[in-house]
């Protein structure tokens, strides 16, 4: 399927990044109610967006592994895709946000400021910078970085399974069933952590990542069609409005059906392939929250949700484009130049 470059993977990732920004508008503005989906008993836009990233990532990185990619090549691909854009975003954020501090010189001089650079290591996240966004509804500098350690752990899991010769659809399906059961039986609480990683989110997002991996393993056996996808989405929506107040009911339908629907949309949306050369989604994701925080700080009277969201999307789009053209793509090109491999590759 993905061998055909006519697909909608980039389109869906751009939509996913935009959905995260829409929900974060309500967070940054300090509004008690969530986005329109949340207010009507559905899953919030940001969750749909984050879930989409994990399903698609699982699908694409598995396809690249199944094409005989070595563990070293897999590792360098993942490093080149995640860390250059992350490092630059963390550094740019730190330097620019000094303009929002009472004194730039004092901001740069204090040791606590430079602790923010540790976010580039992913597993030692520092959500705050002293003196920045103190008058905002929330003081967190970037509320999106928490998902990146989870994705890196998923990559590590793929490498371990591939090394142990266990990266096959049967093992993946078994692991998924265990993880789904744990999730639906509330095995992990939101405040339960292993090191700095939430067990709840690692289990749920890991399940979605593996679902994408499963579909990649079975891509020649799983039939993708709008005649299946559209009714499946309708069933998911129905489940949320008929769960009797029990989230487990609707979550079951969502977690079982939505990943299939998502990959199906990506595969079938061939007319959107013109976007594939411009994958701005990662940059939009890592800069979006910071940009929204800056907007809220500079324009405290800007409380119109729609205007704030549109401005956030436009500015984040510019940031995502800059990140792609000046950081991410050059890093990927450099990786190809110095760590070239034989055979086709799938960028994820």
C-alpha atoms as a PDB file:
ATOM      1  CA  UNK A   1       0.000   0.000   0.000  1.00  0.00           C
ATOM      2  CA  UNK A   2       2.546   2.576   1.110  1.00  0.00           C
ATOM      3  CA  UNK A   3       4.782   1.618  -1.833  1.00  0.00           C
ATOM      4  CA  UNK A   4       2.309   3.777  -3.787  1.00  0.00           C
ATOM      5  CA  UNK A   5       3.482   7.278  -2.950  1.00  0.00           C
ATOM      6  CA  UNK A   6      -0.032   8.549  -3.578  1.00  0.00           C
ATOM      7  CA  UNK A   7      -1.371   8.602  -0.039  1.00  0.00           C
ATOM      8  CA  UNK A   8      -2.679  10.935   2.614  1.00  0.00           C
ATOM      9  CA  UNK A   9      -0.273  10.280   5.481  1.00  0.00           C
ATOM     10  CA  UNK A  10       1.110  13.811   5.503  1.00  0.00           C
ATOM     11  CA  UNK A  11      -2.389  15.264   5.219  1.00  0.00           C
ATOM     12  CA  UNK A  12      -3.594  13.315   8.240  1.00  0.00           C
ATOM     13  CA  UNK A  13      -0.523  14.265  10.274  1.00  0.00           C
ATOM     14  CA  UNK A  14      -1.086  17.940   9.466  1.00  0.00           C
ATOM     15  CA  UNK A  15      -4.695  17.605  10.578  1.00  0.00           C
ATOM     16  CA  UNK A  16      -3.561  15.799  13.737  1.00  0.00           C
ATOM     17  CA  UNK A  17      -1.146  18.605  14.654  1.00  0.00           C
ATOM     18  CA  UNK A  18      -3.882  21.163  14.005  1.00  0.00           C
ATOM     19  CA  UNK A  19      -6.335  19.293  16.221  1.00  0.00           C
ATOM     20  CA  UNK A  20      -3.859  19.456  19.094  1.00  0.00           C
ATOM     21  CA  UNK A  21      -3.605  23.227  18.675  1.00  0.00           C
ATOM     22  CA  UNK A  22      -7.394  23.623  18.635  1.00  0.00           C
ATOM     23  CA  UNK A  23      -7.777  21.898  22.001  1.00  0.00           C
ATOM     24  CA  UNK A  24      -4.822  23.758  23.480  1.00  0.00           C
ATOM     25  CA  UNK A  25      -6.549  27.051  22.702  1.00  0.00           C
ATOM     26  CA  UNK A  26      -8.978  26.280  25.509  1.00  0.00           C
ATOM     27  CA  UNK A  27      -6.140  25.268  27.830  1.00  0.00           C
ATOM     28  CA  UNK A  28      -4.006  28.340  27.176  1.00  0.00           C
ATOM     29  CA  UNK A  29      -6.965  30.700  27.521  1.00  0.00           C
ATOM     30  CA  UNK A  30      -7.870  29.057  30.829  1.00  0.00           C
ATOM     31  CA  UNK A  31     -11.388  28.120  29.748  1.00  0.00           C
ATOM     32  CA  UNK A  32     -13.261  25.614  31.888  1.00  0.00           C
ATOM     33  CA  UNK A  33     -14.944  23.926  28.933  1.00  0.00           C
ATOM     34  CA  UNK A  34     -13.052  21.989  26.294  1.00  0.00           C
ATOM     35  CA  UNK A  35     -13.345  21.898  22.525  1.00  0.00           C
ATOM     36  CA  UNK A  36     -16.624  21.152  20.789  1.00  0.00           C
ATOM     37  CA  UNK A  37     -16.012  17.390  20.776  1.00  0.00           C
ATOM     38  CA  UNK A  38     -15.305  17.302  24.506  1.00  0.00           C
ATOM     39  CA  UNK A  39     -18.366  19.419  25.260  1.00  0.00           C
ATOM     40  CA  UNK A  40     -20.555  16.952  23.404  1.00  0.00           C
ATOM     41  CA  UNK A  41     -19.306  13.789  25.075  1.00  0.00           C
ATOM     42  CA  UNK A  42     -16.736  12.802  22.460  1.00  0.00           C
ATOM     43  CA  UNK A  43     -12.963  12.489  22.634  1.00  0.00           C
ATOM     44  CA  UNK A  44     -11.172  15.844  22.531  1.00  0.00           C
ATOM     45  CA  UNK A  45      -9.419  17.000  19.386  1.00  0.00           C
ATOM     46  CA  UNK A  46      -5.980  16.848  21.011  1.00  0.00           C
ATOM     47  CA  UNK A  47      -6.380  13.194  21.976  1.00  0.00           C
ATOM     48  CA  UNK A  48      -7.491  12.308  18.461  1.00  0.00           C
ATOM     49  CA  UNK A  49      -4.435  14.122  17.120  1.00  0.00           C
ATOM     50  CA  UNK A  50      -1.924  12.503  19.470  1.00  0.00           C
ATOM     51  CA  UNK A  51      -3.465   9.074  18.924  1.00  0.00           C
ATOM     52  CA  UNK A  52      -3.177   9.577  15.166  1.00  0.00           C
ATOM     53  CA  UNK A  53       0.545  10.324  15.432  1.00  0.00           C
ATOM     54  CA  UNK A  54       1.165   7.068  17.294  1.00  0.00           C
ATOM     55  CA  UNK A  55      -0.901   4.880  14.964  1.00  0.00           C
ATOM     56  CA  UNK A  56       0.723   6.346  11.858  1.00  0.00           C
ATOM     57  CA  UNK A  57       4.195   6.159  13.382  1.00  0.00           C
ATOM     58  CA  UNK A  58       3.697   2.502  14.255  1.00  0.00           C
ATOM     59  CA  UNK A  59       2.540   1.777  10.724  1.00  0.00           C
ATOM     60  CA  UNK A  60       5.307   3.591   8.869  1.00  0.00           C
ATOM     61  CA  UNK A  61       8.288   2.574  10.993  1.00  0.00           C
ATOM     62  CA  UNK A  62       7.144  -1.043  10.836  1.00  0.00           C
ATOM     63  CA  UNK A  63       6.979  -0.916   7.050  1.00  0.00           C
ATOM     64  CA  UNK A  64      10.532   0.397   6.976  1.00  0.00           C
ATOM     65  CA  UNK A  65      11.675  -2.372   9.308  1.00  0.00           C
ATOM     66  CA  UNK A  66       9.896  -5.037   7.249  1.00  0.00           C
ATOM     67  CA  UNK A  67      11.821  -3.953   4.171  1.00  0.00           C
ATOM     68  CA  UNK A  68      14.967  -5.397   5.683  1.00  0.00           C
ATOM     69  CA  UNK A  69      16.202  -2.238   7.350  1.00  0.00           C
ATOM     70  CA  UNK A  70      19.053  -2.914   9.758  1.00  0.00           C
ATOM     71  CA  UNK A  71      18.733  -1.989  13.426  1.00  0.00           C
ATOM     72  CA  UNK A  72      21.483   0.591  12.991  1.00  0.00           C
ATOM     73  CA  UNK A  73      19.696   2.201  10.065  1.00  0.00           C
ATOM     74  CA  UNK A  74      16.411   2.125  11.952  1.00  0.00           C
ATOM     75  CA  UNK A  75      18.097   3.816  14.906  1.00  0.00           C
ATOM     76  CA  UNK A  76      19.758   6.544  12.831  1.00  0.00           C
ATOM     77  CA  UNK A  77      16.505   7.211  10.964  1.00  0.00           C
ATOM     78  CA  UNK A  78      14.617   7.705  14.200  1.00  0.00           C
ATOM     79  CA  UNK A  79      17.318   9.909  15.708  1.00  0.00           C
ATOM     80  CA  UNK A  80      17.469  12.063  12.568  1.00  0.00           C
ATOM     81  CA  UNK A  81      13.701  12.438  12.515  1.00  0.00           C
ATOM     82  CA  UNK A  82      13.137  13.325  16.184  1.00  0.00           C
ATOM     83  CA  UNK A  83      16.128  15.053  17.723  1.00  0.00           C
ATOM     84  CA  UNK A  84      17.386  17.794  15.359  1.00  0.00           C
ATOM     85  CA  UNK A  85      13.974  19.453  15.237  1.00  0.00           C
ATOM     86  CA  UNK A  86      13.547  18.967  18.971  1.00  0.00           C
ATOM     87  CA  UNK A  87      16.974  20.364  19.915  1.00  0.00           C
ATOM     88  CA  UNK A  88      16.508  23.469  17.782  1.00  0.00           C
ATOM     89  CA  UNK A  89      12.969  24.063  19.053  1.00  0.00           C
ATOM     90  CA  UNK A  90      14.122  23.825  22.671  1.00  0.00           C
ATOM     91  CA  UNK A  91      17.034  26.224  22.080  1.00  0.00           C
ATOM     92  CA  UNK A  92      14.959  28.708  20.059  1.00  0.00           C
ATOM     93  CA  UNK A  93      12.227  28.592  22.688  1.00  0.00           C
ATOM     94  CA  UNK A  94      14.691  29.304  25.483  1.00  0.00           C
ATOM     95  CA  UNK A  95      16.292  32.258  23.675  1.00  0.00           C
ATOM     96  CA  UNK A  96      13.052  33.837  22.423  1.00  0.00           C
ATOM     97  CA  UNK A  97      11.161  33.525  25.688  1.00  0.00           C
ATOM     98  CA  UNK A  98      13.727  35.725  27.375  1.00  0.00           C
ATOM     99  CA  UNK A  99      11.867  38.583  25.700  1.00  0.00           C
ATOM    100  CA  UNK A 100       8.915  37.739  27.923  1.00  0.00           C
ATOM    101  CA  UNK A 101      10.941  37.899  31.130  1.00  0.00           C
ATOM    102  CA  UNK A 102      11.268  41.105  33.205  1.00  0.00           C
ATOM    103  CA  UNK A 103      14.976  41.333  32.350  1.00  0.00           C
ATOM    104  CA  UNK A 104      16.630  39.475  29.466  1.00  0.00           C
ATOM    105  CA  UNK A 105      20.099  39.732  30.998  1.00  0.00           C
ATOM    106  CA  UNK A 106      18.910  38.308  34.312  1.00  0.00           C
ATOM    107  CA  UNK A 107      16.933  35.663  32.434  1.00  0.00           C
ATOM    108  CA  UNK A 108      20.032  34.489  30.574  1.00  0.00           C
ATOM    109  CA  UNK A 109      22.204  34.683  33.693  1.00  0.00           C
ATOM    110  CA  UNK A 110      20.059  32.505  35.961  1.00  0.00           C
ATOM    111  CA  UNK A 111      20.955  28.819  35.991  1.00  0.00           C
ATOM    112  CA  UNK A 112      17.297  27.754  36.168  1.00  0.00           C
ATOM    113  CA  UNK A 113      16.716  29.131  32.670  1.00  0.00           C
ATOM    114  CA  UNK A 114      19.235  26.781  31.116  1.00  0.00           C
ATOM    115  CA  UNK A 115      17.634  23.788  32.785  1.00  0.00           C
ATOM    116  CA  UNK A 116      15.048  24.037  30.023  1.00  0.00           C
ATOM    117  CA  UNK A 117      17.633  22.689  27.568  1.00  0.00           C
ATOM    118  CA  UNK A 118      17.322  19.338  29.319  1.00  0.00           C
ATOM    119  CA  UNK A 119      14.000  18.925  27.514  1.00  0.00           C
ATOM    120  CA  UNK A 120      16.110  17.973  24.526  1.00  0.00           C
ATOM    121  CA  UNK A 121      17.009  14.777  26.386  1.00  0.00           C
ATOM    122  CA  UNK A 122      13.265  13.929  26.576  1.00  0.00           C
ATOM    123  CA  UNK A 123      13.368  11.873  29.751  1.00  0.00           C
ATOM    124  CA  UNK A 124      14.130  14.810  32.040  1.00  0.00           C
ATOM    125  CA  UNK A 125      11.402  17.269  31.106  1.00  0.00           C
ATOM    126  CA  UNK A 126      11.378  20.752  32.634  1.00  0.00           C
ATOM    127  CA  UNK A 127       7.987  22.326  31.914  1.00  0.00           C
ATOM    128  CA  UNK A 128       8.654  25.783  33.372  1.00  0.00           C
ATOM    129  CA  UNK A 129      11.099  28.663  32.977  1.00  0.00           C
ATOM    130  CA  UNK A 130      11.190  31.051  35.968  1.00  0.00           C
ATOM    131  CA  UNK A 131       9.758  34.482  35.169  1.00  0.00           C
ATOM    132  CA  UNK A 132       8.097  33.404  31.922  1.00  0.00           C
ATOM    133  CA  UNK A 133       4.324  33.322  31.353  1.00  0.00           C
ATOM    134  CA  UNK A 134       3.692  34.123  35.011  1.00  0.00           C
ATOM    135  CA  UNK A 135       0.497  36.019  34.139  1.00  0.00           C
ATOM    136  CA  UNK A 136      -0.855  33.368  31.757  1.00  0.00           C
ATOM    137  CA  UNK A 137      -3.643  30.988  32.699  1.00  0.00           C
ATOM    138  CA  UNK A 138      -1.055  28.184  32.675  1.00  0.00           C
ATOM    139  CA  UNK A 139       2.689  28.603  33.110  1.00  0.00           C
ATOM    140  CA  UNK A 140       3.836  25.466  31.271  1.00  0.00           C
ATOM    141  CA  UNK A 141       6.118  26.489  28.409  1.00  0.00           C
ATOM    142  CA  UNK A 142       5.420  23.585  26.065  1.00  0.00           C
ATOM    143  CA  UNK A 143       2.586  21.202  26.873  1.00  0.00           C
ATOM    144  CA  UNK A 144       3.312  18.900  23.941  1.00  0.00           C
ATOM    145  CA  UNK A 145       6.755  17.496  24.731  1.00  0.00           C
ATOM    146  CA  UNK A 146       5.436  14.817  27.111  1.00  0.00           C
ATOM    147  CA  UNK A 147       4.416  12.539  24.213  1.00  0.00           C
ATOM    148  CA  UNK A 148       7.886  12.386  22.648  1.00  0.00           C
ATOM    149  CA  UNK A 149       9.490  10.153  25.325  1.00  0.00           C
ATOM    150  CA  UNK A 150       6.602   7.731  24.840  1.00  0.00           C
ATOM    151  CA  UNK A 151       7.197   7.611  21.103  1.00  0.00           C
ATOM    152  CA  UNK A 152      10.916   7.035  21.607  1.00  0.00           C
ATOM    153  CA  UNK A 153      10.106   4.144  23.949  1.00  0.00           C
ATOM    154  CA  UNK A 154       7.913   2.680  21.211  1.00  0.00           C
ATOM    155  CA  UNK A 155      10.877   2.849  18.834  1.00  0.00           C
ATOM    156  CA  UNK A 156      13.052   1.121  21.409  1.00  0.00           C
ATOM    157  CA  UNK A 157      10.380  -1.555  21.752  1.00  0.00           C
ATOM    158  CA  UNK A 158      10.442  -2.166  18.000  1.00  0.00           C
ATOM    159  CA  UNK A 159      14.223  -2.522  18.060  1.00  0.00           C
ATOM    160  CA  UNK A 160      14.111  -4.975  20.970  1.00  0.00           C
ATOM    161  CA  UNK A 161      11.420  -7.074  19.306  1.00  0.00           C
ATOM    162  CA  UNK A 162      13.262  -7.065  15.977  1.00  0.00           C
ATOM    163  CA  UNK A 163      16.530  -8.023  17.670  1.00  0.00           C
ATOM    164  CA  UNK A 164      14.816 -10.887  19.494  1.00  0.00           C
ATOM    165  CA  UNK A 165      13.053 -12.072  16.327  1.00  0.00           C
ATOM    166  CA  UNK A 166       9.678 -11.435  17.987  1.00  0.00           C
ATOM    167  CA  UNK A 167       8.522  -8.583  15.772  1.00  0.00           C
ATOM    168  CA  UNK A 168       5.750 -10.526  14.054  1.00  0.00           C
ATOM    169  CA  UNK A 169       2.011  -9.987  13.804  1.00  0.00           C
ATOM    170  CA  UNK A 170       1.137 -12.791  16.239  1.00  0.00           C
ATOM    171  CA  UNK A 171       3.255 -11.395  19.064  1.00  0.00           C
ATOM    172  CA  UNK A 172       2.048  -7.869  18.331  1.00  0.00           C
ATOM    173  CA  UNK A 173      -1.586  -8.971  18.433  1.00  0.00           C
ATOM    174  CA  UNK A 174      -1.049 -10.768  21.740  1.00  0.00           C
ATOM    175  CA  UNK A 175       0.649  -7.701  23.236  1.00  0.00           C
ATOM    176  CA  UNK A 176      -2.199  -5.506  22.002  1.00  0.00           C
ATOM    177  CA  UNK A 177      -4.837  -7.706  23.612  1.00  0.00           C
ATOM    178  CA  UNK A 178      -2.990  -7.583  26.928  1.00  0.00           C
ATOM    179  CA  UNK A 179      -2.587  -3.806  26.763  1.00  0.00           C
ATOM    180  CA  UNK A 180      -6.206  -3.234  25.754  1.00  0.00           C
ATOM    181  CA  UNK A 181      -7.400  -5.422  28.620  1.00  0.00           C
ATOM    182  CA  UNK A 182      -5.217  -3.550  31.098  1.00  0.00           C
ATOM    183  CA  UNK A 183      -6.520  -0.214  29.850  1.00  0.00           C
ATOM    184  CA  UNK A 184     -10.203  -1.141  29.949  1.00  0.00           C
ATOM    185  CA  UNK A 185      -9.802  -2.589  33.448  1.00  0.00           C
ATOM    186  CA  UNK A 186      -8.146   0.572  34.819  1.00  0.00           C
ATOM    187  CA  UNK A 187      -4.880  -1.214  35.589  1.00  0.00           C
ATOM    188  CA  UNK A 188      -2.943   2.058  35.574  1.00  0.00           C
ATOM    189  CA  UNK A 189      -3.862   5.350  37.174  1.00  0.00           C
ATOM    190  CA  UNK A 190      -2.983   8.724  35.634  1.00  0.00           C
ATOM    191  CA  UNK A 191      -0.478   9.501  38.418  1.00  0.00           C
ATOM    192  CA  UNK A 192       1.313   6.141  38.153  1.00  0.00           C
ATOM    193  CA  UNK A 193       4.802   6.510  36.686  1.00  0.00           C
ATOM    194  CA  UNK A 194       7.767   4.408  35.706  1.00  0.00           C
ATOM    195  CA  UNK A 195      10.684   6.815  36.018  1.00  0.00           C
ATOM    196  CA  UNK A 196       9.207   9.977  34.420  1.00  0.00           C
ATOM    197  CA  UNK A 197       6.794   8.212  32.055  1.00  0.00           C
ATOM    198  CA  UNK A 198       3.096   7.722  32.765  1.00  0.00           C
ATOM    199  CA  UNK A 199       2.193   4.025  32.801  1.00  0.00           C
ATOM    200  CA  UNK A 200      -1.344   4.874  31.702  1.00  0.00           C
ATOM    201  CA  UNK A 201      -0.290   6.794  28.604  1.00  0.00           C
ATOM    202  CA  UNK A 202       2.555   4.414  27.773  1.00  0.00           C
ATOM    203  CA  UNK A 203       0.101   1.523  27.790  1.00  0.00           C
ATOM    204  CA  UNK A 204      -2.608   3.286  25.781  1.00  0.00           C
ATOM    205  CA  UNK A 205      -0.378   5.015  23.239  1.00  0.00           C
ATOM    206  CA  UNK A 206       1.827   1.928  23.018  1.00  0.00           C
ATOM    207  CA  UNK A 207      -1.282  -0.060  22.107  1.00  0.00           C
ATOM    208  CA  UNK A 208      -2.103   2.404  19.326  1.00  0.00           C
ATOM    209  CA  UNK A 209       1.478   2.279  18.056  1.00  0.00           C
ATOM    210  CA  UNK A 210       1.324  -1.516  17.959  1.00  0.00           C
ATOM    211  CA  UNK A 211      -2.027  -1.375  16.179  1.00  0.00           C
ATOM    212  CA  UNK A 212      -0.340   0.597  13.417  1.00  0.00           C
ATOM    213  CA  UNK A 213       2.476  -1.960  13.413  1.00  0.00           C
ATOM    214  CA  UNK A 214      -0.054  -4.801  13.136  1.00  0.00           C
ATOM    215  CA  UNK A 215      -1.736  -3.186  10.133  1.00  0.00           C
ATOM    216  CA  UNK A 216       1.675  -2.807   8.497  1.00  0.00           C
ATOM    217  CA  UNK A 217       2.409  -6.509   9.011  1.00  0.00           C
ATOM    218  CA  UNK A 218      -0.985  -7.417   7.528  1.00  0.00           C
ATOM    219  CA  UNK A 219      -1.158  -4.703   4.873  1.00  0.00           C
ATOM    220  CA  UNK A 220      -1.663  -7.223   2.082  1.00  0.00           C
ATOM    221  CA  UNK A 221      -4.424  -9.020   3.983  1.00  0.00           C
ATOM    222  CA  UNK A 222      -6.438  -6.178   5.532  1.00  0.00           C
ATOM    223  CA  UNK A 223      -8.949  -4.674   3.117  1.00  0.00           C
ATOM    224  CA  UNK A 224      -9.168  -0.885   3.212  1.00  0.00           C
ATOM    225  CA  UNK A 225     -12.337   0.694   1.863  1.00  0.00           C
ATOM    226  CA  UNK A 226     -14.483   3.784   2.404  1.00  0.00           C
ATOM    227  CA  UNK A 227     -17.450   1.389   2.601  1.00  0.00           C
ATOM    228  CA  UNK A 228     -15.929  -0.033   5.797  1.00  0.00           C
ATOM    229  CA  UNK A 229     -14.273   3.099   7.155  1.00  0.00           C
ATOM    230  CA  UNK A 230     -17.266   5.453   7.092  1.00  0.00           C
ATOM    231  CA  UNK A 231     -19.675   3.040   8.855  1.00  0.00           C
ATOM    232  CA  UNK A 232     -16.951   2.227  11.404  1.00  0.00           C
ATOM    233  CA  UNK A 233     -16.567   5.923  12.233  1.00  0.00           C
ATOM    234  CA  UNK A 234     -20.344   6.163  12.584  1.00  0.00           C
ATOM    235  CA  UNK A 235     -20.281   3.255  15.045  1.00  0.00           C
ATOM    236  CA  UNK A 236     -17.564   4.980  17.094  1.00  0.00           C
ATOM    237  CA  UNK A 237     -19.615   8.175  17.307  1.00  0.00           C
ATOM    238  CA  UNK A 238     -22.727   6.169  18.213  1.00  0.00           C
ATOM    239  CA  UNK A 239     -20.839   4.459  21.041  1.00  0.00           C
ATOM    240  CA  UNK A 240     -19.947   7.782  22.672  1.00  0.00           C
ATOM    241  CA  UNK A 241     -23.541   8.940  22.694  1.00  0.00           C
ATOM    242  CA  UNK A 242     -24.792   5.597  23.994  1.00  0.00           C
ATOM    243  CA  UNK A 243     -22.242   4.611  26.619  1.00  0.00           C
ATOM    244  CA  UNK A 244     -24.567   5.231  29.558  1.00  0.00           C
ATOM    245  CA  UNK A 245     -21.904   7.298  31.289  1.00  0.00           C
ATOM    246  CA  UNK A 246     -19.378   4.440  31.198  1.00  0.00           C
ATOM    247  CA  UNK A 247     -16.321   5.473  29.187  1.00  0.00           C
ATOM    248  CA  UNK A 248     -15.126   1.865  28.947  1.00  0.00           C
ATOM    249  CA  UNK A 249     -17.931   1.071  26.481  1.00  0.00           C
ATOM    250  CA  UNK A 250     -17.096   3.815  23.997  1.00  0.00           C
ATOM    251  CA  UNK A 251     -13.341   3.464  24.568  1.00  0.00           C
ATOM    252  CA  UNK A 252     -13.547  -0.154  23.478  1.00  0.00           C
ATOM    253  CA  UNK A 253     -15.140   0.774  20.153  1.00  0.00           C
ATOM    254  CA  UNK A 254     -12.748   3.671  19.654  1.00  0.00           C
ATOM    255  CA  UNK A 255      -9.567   1.708  20.387  1.00  0.00           C
ATOM    256  CA  UNK A 256     -10.602  -1.250  18.235  1.00  0.00           C
ATOM    257  CA  UNK A 257     -12.034   0.604  15.227  1.00  0.00           C
ATOM    258  CA  UNK A 258     -10.396   4.024  15.008  1.00  0.00           C
ATOM    259  CA  UNK A 259      -6.791   2.948  14.195  1.00  0.00           C
ATOM    260  CA  UNK A 260      -8.087   0.935  11.221  1.00  0.00           C
ATOM    261  CA  UNK A 261     -10.156   3.917  10.075  1.00  0.00           C
ATOM    262  CA  UNK A 262      -7.168   6.209  10.400  1.00  0.00           C
ATOM    263  CA  UNK A 263      -4.771   4.115   8.316  1.00  0.00           C
ATOM    264  CA  UNK A 264      -7.558   3.468   5.820  1.00  0.00           C
ATOM    265  CA  UNK A 265      -8.044   7.215   5.367  1.00  0.00           C
ATOM    266  CA  UNK A 266      -4.291   7.668   4.914  1.00  0.00           C
ATOM    267  CA  UNK A 267      -4.078   4.931   2.304  1.00  0.00           C
ATOM    268  CA  UNK A 268      -7.216   5.885   0.398  1.00  0.00           C
ATOM    269  CA  UNK A 269      -6.744   9.676   0.294  1.00  0.00           C
ATOM    270  CA  UNK A 270      -4.489   9.483  -2.756  1.00  0.00           C
ATOM    271  CA  UNK A 271      -5.435  12.928  -4.059  1.00  0.00           C
ATOM    272  CA  UNK A 272      -3.754  14.479  -1.029  1.00  0.00           C
ATOM    273  CA  UNK A 273      -0.333  13.123  -1.988  1.00  0.00           C
ATOM    274  CA  UNK A 274       0.792  16.572  -3.168  1.00  0.00           C
ATOM    275  CA  UNK A 275       1.346  17.393   0.519  1.00  0.00           C
ATOM    276  CA  UNK A 276       3.878  14.611   1.033  1.00  0.00           C
ATOM    277  CA  UNK A 277       6.852  16.809   0.153  1.00  0.00           C
ATOM    278  CA  UNK A 278       6.034  19.212   2.954  1.00  0.00           C
ATOM    279  CA  UNK A 279       5.686  17.394   6.245  1.00  0.00           C
ATOM    280  CA  UNK A 280       5.330  20.360   8.572  1.00  0.00           C
ATOM    281  CA  UNK A 281       3.408  18.403  11.196  1.00  0.00           C
ATOM    282  CA  UNK A 282       6.307  17.776  13.591  1.00  0.00           C
ATOM    283  CA  UNK A 283       7.338  21.420  13.634  1.00  0.00           C
ATOM    284  CA  UNK A 284       3.741  22.524  14.111  1.00  0.00           C
ATOM    285  CA  UNK A 285       3.462  20.116  17.012  1.00  0.00           C
ATOM    286  CA  UNK A 286       6.636  21.104  18.883  1.00  0.00           C
ATOM    287  CA  UNK A 287       6.177  24.857  18.390  1.00  0.00           C
ATOM    288  CA  UNK A 288       2.391  25.152  18.586  1.00  0.00           C
ATOM    289  CA  UNK A 289       1.913  25.334  22.352  1.00  0.00           C
ATOM    290  CA  UNK A 290       4.784  27.790  22.831  1.00  0.00           C
ATOM    291  CA  UNK A 291       3.362  30.066  20.149  1.00  0.00           C
ATOM    292  CA  UNK A 292      -0.050  29.956  21.797  1.00  0.00           C
ATOM    293  CA  UNK A 293       1.492  30.861  25.138  1.00  0.00           C
ATOM    294  CA  UNK A 294       3.275  33.824  23.549  1.00  0.00           C
ATOM    295  CA  UNK A 295       0.035  35.001  21.940  1.00  0.00           C
ATOM    296  CA  UNK A 296      -1.754  34.796  25.281  1.00  0.00           C
ATOM    297  CA  UNK A 297       1.049  36.775  26.925  1.00  0.00           C
ATOM    298  CA  UNK A 298       1.322  39.512  24.276  1.00  0.00           C
ATOM    299  CA  UNK A 299      -2.426  39.848  23.677  1.00  0.00           C
ATOM    300  CA  UNK A 300      -4.127  39.117  27.024  1.00  0.00           C
ATOM    301  CA  UNK A 301      -7.375  40.644  25.756  1.00  0.00           C
ATOM    302  CA  UNK A 302      -7.502  38.246  22.808  1.00  0.00           C
ATOM    303  CA  UNK A 303      -9.998  35.771  24.228  1.00  0.00           C
ATOM    304  CA  UNK A 304     -12.056  34.996  21.132  1.00  0.00           C
ATOM    305  CA  UNK A 305     -11.538  31.258  20.689  1.00  0.00           C
ATOM    306  CA  UNK A 306     -11.869  31.273  16.909  1.00  0.00           C
ATOM    307  CA  UNK A 307      -9.554  34.228  16.261  1.00  0.00           C
ATOM    308  CA  UNK A 308      -6.994  32.878  18.733  1.00  0.00           C
ATOM    309  CA  UNK A 309      -7.108  29.427  17.116  1.00  0.00           C
ATOM    310  CA  UNK A 310      -6.737  30.759  13.574  1.00  0.00           C
ATOM    311  CA  UNK A 311      -3.765  32.921  14.571  1.00  0.00           C
ATOM    312  CA  UNK A 312      -2.213  29.959  16.380  1.00  0.00           C
ATOM    313  CA  UNK A 313      -2.619  27.695  13.354  1.00  0.00           C
ATOM    314  CA  UNK A 314      -1.164  30.248  10.933  1.00  0.00           C
ATOM    315  CA  UNK A 315       1.863  31.094  13.078  1.00  0.00           C
ATOM    316  CA  UNK A 316       2.464  27.439  13.947  1.00  0.00           C
ATOM    317  CA  UNK A 317       2.272  26.610  10.253  1.00  0.00           C
ATOM    318  CA  UNK A 318       5.043  29.120   9.520  1.00  0.00           C
ATOM    319  CA  UNK A 319       7.121  27.692  12.370  1.00  0.00           C
ATOM    320  CA  UNK A 320       6.521  24.157  11.123  1.00  0.00           C
ATOM    321  CA  UNK A 321       7.560  25.129   7.597  1.00  0.00           C
ATOM    322  CA  UNK A 322      10.742  26.793   8.860  1.00  0.00           C
ATOM    323  CA  UNK A 323      11.556  23.781  11.013  1.00  0.00           C
ATOM    324  CA  UNK A 324      11.063  21.417   8.082  1.00  0.00           C
ATOM    325  CA  UNK A 325      13.015  23.351   5.447  1.00  0.00           C
ATOM    326  CA  UNK A 326      15.867  24.606   7.632  1.00  0.00           C
ATOM    327  CA  UNK A 327      16.290  21.882  10.262  1.00  0.00           C
ATOM    328  CA  UNK A 328      14.423  18.609   9.778  1.00  0.00           C
ATOM    329  CA  UNK A 329      14.892  18.032   6.038  1.00  0.00           C
ATOM    330  CA  UNK A 330      18.580  19.065   6.059  1.00  0.00           C
ATOM    331  CA  UNK A 331      19.127  16.693   8.995  1.00  0.00           C
ATOM    332  CA  UNK A 332      17.460  13.859   7.081  1.00  0.00           C
ATOM    333  CA  UNK A 333      19.498  14.647   3.967  1.00  0.00           C
ATOM    334  CA  UNK A 334      22.691  14.661   6.028  1.00  0.00           C
ATOM    335  CA  UNK A 335      21.729  11.336   7.541  1.00  0.00           C
ATOM    336  CA  UNK A 336      21.267   9.859   4.049  1.00  0.00           C
ATOM    337  CA  UNK A 337      24.622  11.253   2.964  1.00  0.00           C
ATOM    338  CA  UNK A 338      26.637   9.845   5.854  1.00  0.00           C
ATOM    339  CA  UNK A 339      24.558   6.787   6.720  1.00  0.00           C
ATOM    340  CA  UNK A 340      23.343   5.744   3.297  1.00  0.00           C
ATOM    341  CA  UNK A 341      21.487   2.463   2.923  1.00  0.00           C
ATOM    342  CA  UNK A 342      20.456   0.278   0.047  1.00  0.00           C
ATOM    343  CA  UNK A 343      16.794  -0.149  -0.740  1.00  0.00           C
ATOM    344  CA  UNK A 344      13.639   1.884  -0.313  1.00  0.00           C
ATOM    345  CA  UNK A 345      12.935   3.851   2.832  1.00  0.00           C
ATOM    346  CA  UNK A 346       9.818   5.187   4.457  1.00  0.00           C
ATOM    347  CA  UNK A 347      10.190   8.436   6.352  1.00  0.00           C
ATOM    348  CA  UNK A 348       8.179   8.564   9.562  1.00  0.00           C
END
